[in-house]
Amino acid sequence: MDKKDRLGEEGEGKEIVQNGIAYLIGLGATWTGTAIGILDETLAYAKRKVHQDVNKALSDYQVIRSQLAKAKILTDSLQAWQKDLASQLDEWLESGEKYAPEELKNSLLEFKVLASDAANEIAQIGLDISGGFGYREGTLERLYRDARAGIAMGPSNHIAREMIWKNLLD
């Protein structure tokens, strides 16, 4: 692997992961990608599903468009934050400091929590829009289960919120 693409030096991986930096940005990115995938699947379904009795696609309904817009706002917000955190990680790595600043660690923890919560919220939107189809066919059902896992993955969102709270006290 090219040196510029590594976090730390050869053999330092375990210490880096235990410090939480690579792991937390990776988890947040995973749930951001999951949220984007759910939005893409839901949007495609809403465009192609037509109510035959009124000849309207689901995407023709204002309430559906509003829910999809909410999901889009969440995914765009996550992507912007992820990009900013990646820049901060780059700056930290270039600084030569062995450990990341506490503020950055806390932001990464917050990002993990928000990304997994947002993926769950968007999954719920997807299942609300797709109805029974989303539960029995296609990828929405799997993505919903994947999104649920984000809340429990260590640190769980409940534990992470406790860690964030403790950092607020310091």
Protein backbone atom coordinates (compact mmCIF):
# COMPACT_ATOMS: atom_id res chain seq x y z
CA MET A 1 0.00 0.00 0.00
CA ASP A 2 1.25 3.46 -0.85
CA LYS A 3 2.53 5.29 2.25
CA LYS A 4 0.21 8.27 1.62
CA ASP A 5 -2.81 5.94 1.90
CA ARG A 6 -1.82 4.47 5.28
CA LEU A 7 -2.95 5.57 8.69
CA GLY A 8 0.23 5.44 10.73
CA GLU A 9 3.23 3.22 10.20
CA GLU A 10 3.57 -0.47 9.45
CA GLY A 11 2.52 -2.53 12.49
CA GLU A 12 0.60 0.28 14.23
CA GLY A 13 -2.85 -0.79 12.99
CA LYS A 14 -4.08 -2.32 16.25
CA GLU A 15 -3.14 0.77 18.24
CA ILE A 16 -4.79 3.06 15.69
CA VAL A 17 -8.03 1.05 15.72
CA GLN A 18 -8.06 0.93 19.53
CA ASN A 19 -7.66 4.70 19.53
CA GLY A 20 -10.92 4.81 17.58
CA ILE A 21 -9.97 7.09 14.73
CA ALA A 22 -10.01 4.77 11.71
CA TYR A 23 -12.80 2.66 13.16
CA LEU A 24 -15.18 5.57 13.85
CA ILE A 25 -14.71 7.30 10.49
CA GLY A 26 -15.20 3.91 8.86
CA LEU A 27 -18.42 3.21 10.76
CA GLY A 28 -19.80 6.65 10.00
CA ALA A 29 -18.91 6.24 6.33
CA THR A 30 -20.58 2.81 6.30
CA TRP A 31 -23.86 4.18 7.64
CA THR A 32 -23.65 7.19 5.35
CA GLY A 33 -23.30 4.84 2.38
CA THR A 34 -26.15 2.70 3.69
CA ALA A 35 -28.35 5.79 3.99
CA ILE A 36 -27.50 6.82 0.41
CA GLY A 37 -28.28 3.32 -0.85
CA ILE A 38 -31.64 3.33 0.91
CA LEU A 39 -32.49 6.75 -0.54
CA ASP A 40 -31.52 5.62 -4.05
CA GLU A 41 -33.64 2.45 -3.80
CA THR A 42 -36.60 4.32 -2.33
CA LEU A 43 -36.44 7.06 -4.94
CA ALA A 44 -36.33 4.51 -7.77
CA TYR A 45 -39.32 2.69 -6.29
CA ALA A 46 -41.30 5.91 -5.81
CA LYS A 47 -40.71 6.85 -9.45
CA ARG A 48 -41.69 3.48 -10.91
CA LYS A 49 -44.63 2.53 -8.65
CA VAL A 50 -47.84 3.84 -10.18
CA HIS A 51 -51.27 3.73 -8.54
CA GLN A 52 -53.31 2.41 -11.45
CA ASP A 53 -56.64 3.71 -10.16
CA VAL A 54 -55.51 7.36 -10.36
CA ASN A 55 -52.54 6.93 -12.74
CA LYS A 56 -50.13 8.66 -10.35
CA ALA A 57 -46.64 7.58 -9.39
CA LEU A 58 -45.83 7.59 -5.69
CA SER A 59 -43.41 10.42 -6.44
CA ASP A 60 -46.38 12.54 -7.56
CA TYR A 61 -47.63 12.77 -3.96
CA GLN A 62 -46.43 15.76 -1.96
CA VAL A 63 -46.06 13.77 1.27
CA ILE A 64 -43.77 11.27 -0.49
CA ARG A 65 -41.68 14.04 -2.04
CA SER A 66 -41.36 15.68 1.38
CA GLN A 67 -40.10 12.45 2.95
CA LEU A 68 -37.62 11.91 0.12
CA ALA A 69 -36.40 15.50 0.47
CA LYS A 70 -35.86 14.92 4.20
CA ALA A 71 -33.77 11.83 3.42
CA LYS A 72 -31.77 13.78 0.81
CA ILE A 73 -31.02 16.56 3.30
CA LEU A 74 -29.80 13.99 5.82
CA THR A 75 -27.54 12.19 3.34
CA ASP A 76 -26.08 15.43 1.99
CA SER A 77 -25.39 16.61 5.55
CA LEU A 78 -23.63 13.37 6.41
CA GLN A 79 -21.48 13.52 3.28
CA ALA A 80 -20.42 17.09 4.00
CA TRP A 81 -19.52 16.26 7.59
CA GLN A 82 -17.65 13.14 6.52
CA LYS A 83 -15.60 15.17 4.05
CA ASP A 84 -14.79 17.74 6.74
CA LEU A 85 -13.78 15.03 9.22
CA ALA A 86 -11.57 13.39 6.58
CA SER A 87 -9.81 16.75 6.08
CA GLN A 88 -9.31 17.08 9.82
CA LEU A 89 -7.89 13.55 9.94
CA ASP A 90 -5.49 14.44 7.13
CA GLU A 91 -4.36 17.54 9.02
CA TRP A 92 -3.80 15.49 12.17
CA LEU A 93 -1.79 12.87 10.27
CA GLU A 94 0.32 15.57 8.63
CA SER A 95 0.99 17.15 12.04
CA GLY A 96 3.00 14.13 13.14
CA GLU A 97 1.16 13.97 16.47
CA LYS A 98 0.79 10.38 17.66
CA TYR A 99 -2.74 10.82 19.02
CA ALA A 100 -5.64 12.75 17.56
CA PRO A 101 -7.00 15.76 19.45
CA GLU A 102 -9.86 14.95 21.82
CA GLU A 103 -12.16 17.32 19.95
CA LEU A 104 -11.62 15.34 16.73
CA LYS A 105 -12.21 12.02 18.51
CA ASN A 106 -15.45 13.38 19.94
CA SER A 107 -16.57 14.67 16.53
CA LEU A 108 -15.92 11.23 15.02
CA LEU A 109 -17.98 9.63 17.77
CA GLU A 110 -20.81 12.09 17.12
CA PHE A 111 -20.56 11.37 13.38
CA LYS A 112 -20.91 7.62 13.98
CA VAL A 113 -24.01 8.18 16.10
CA LEU A 114 -25.65 10.61 13.70
CA ALA A 115 -24.85 8.52 10.63
CA SER A 116 -26.34 5.34 12.09
CA ASP A 117 -29.38 7.22 13.44
CA ALA A 118 -29.89 8.89 10.04
CA ALA A 119 -29.57 5.56 8.21
CA ASN A 120 -32.31 4.20 10.45
CA GLU A 121 -34.54 7.21 9.90
CA ILE A 122 -34.06 6.97 6.14
CA ALA A 123 -34.69 3.21 6.27
CA GLN A 124 -37.99 3.89 8.01
CA ILE A 125 -38.87 6.45 5.32
CA GLY A 126 -38.00 3.85 2.67
CA LEU A 127 -40.21 1.22 4.22
CA ASP A 128 -43.05 3.69 4.76
CA ILE A 129 -42.94 4.65 1.08
CA SER A 130 -42.48 1.15 -0.31
CA GLY A 131 -45.06 -0.48 1.96
CA GLY A 132 -45.17 -4.27 1.94
CA PHE A 133 -42.89 -4.43 -1.10
CA GLY A 134 -39.99 -3.07 0.94
CA TYR A 135 -40.41 -5.78 3.56
CA ARG A 136 -40.56 -8.73 1.20
CA GLU A 137 -38.63 -7.93 -1.99
CA GLY A 138 -35.62 -6.07 -3.24
CA THR A 139 -32.81 -4.59 -1.26
CA LEU A 140 -34.74 -2.30 1.09
CA GLU A 141 -35.42 -5.06 3.61
CA ARG A 142 -31.71 -5.96 3.77
CA LEU A 143 -30.65 -2.32 3.99
CA TYR A 144 -33.15 -1.79 6.80
CA ARG A 145 -31.55 -4.65 8.75
CA ASP A 146 -28.08 -3.29 7.97
CA ALA A 147 -29.08 0.16 9.21
CA ARG A 148 -30.39 -1.30 12.47
CA ALA A 149 -26.98 -2.89 13.10
CA GLY A 150 -25.37 0.55 13.13
CA ILE A 151 -27.05 1.47 16.39
CA ALA A 152 -25.61 -1.55 18.16
CA MET A 153 -22.09 -1.63 16.68
CA GLY A 154 -19.49 -0.68 19.22
CA PRO A 155 -19.55 1.68 20.67
CA SER A 156 -23.33 1.39 20.62
CA ASN A 157 -25.14 4.67 20.18
CA HIS A 158 -26.25 4.58 23.81
CA ILE A 159 -22.69 4.12 25.07
CA ALA A 160 -21.38 6.66 22.55
CA ARG A 161 -23.86 9.26 23.78
CA GLU A 162 -22.66 8.64 27.33
CA MET A 163 -19.05 9.14 26.16
CA ILE A 164 -20.04 12.36 24.37
CA TRP A 165 -21.82 13.56 27.52
CA LYS A 166 -18.74 12.89 29.63
CA ASN A 167 -16.64 14.88 27.15
CA LEU A 168 -19.04 17.80 27.55
CA LEU A 169 -18.29 17.83 31.27
CA ASP A 170 -14.54 18.09 30.77
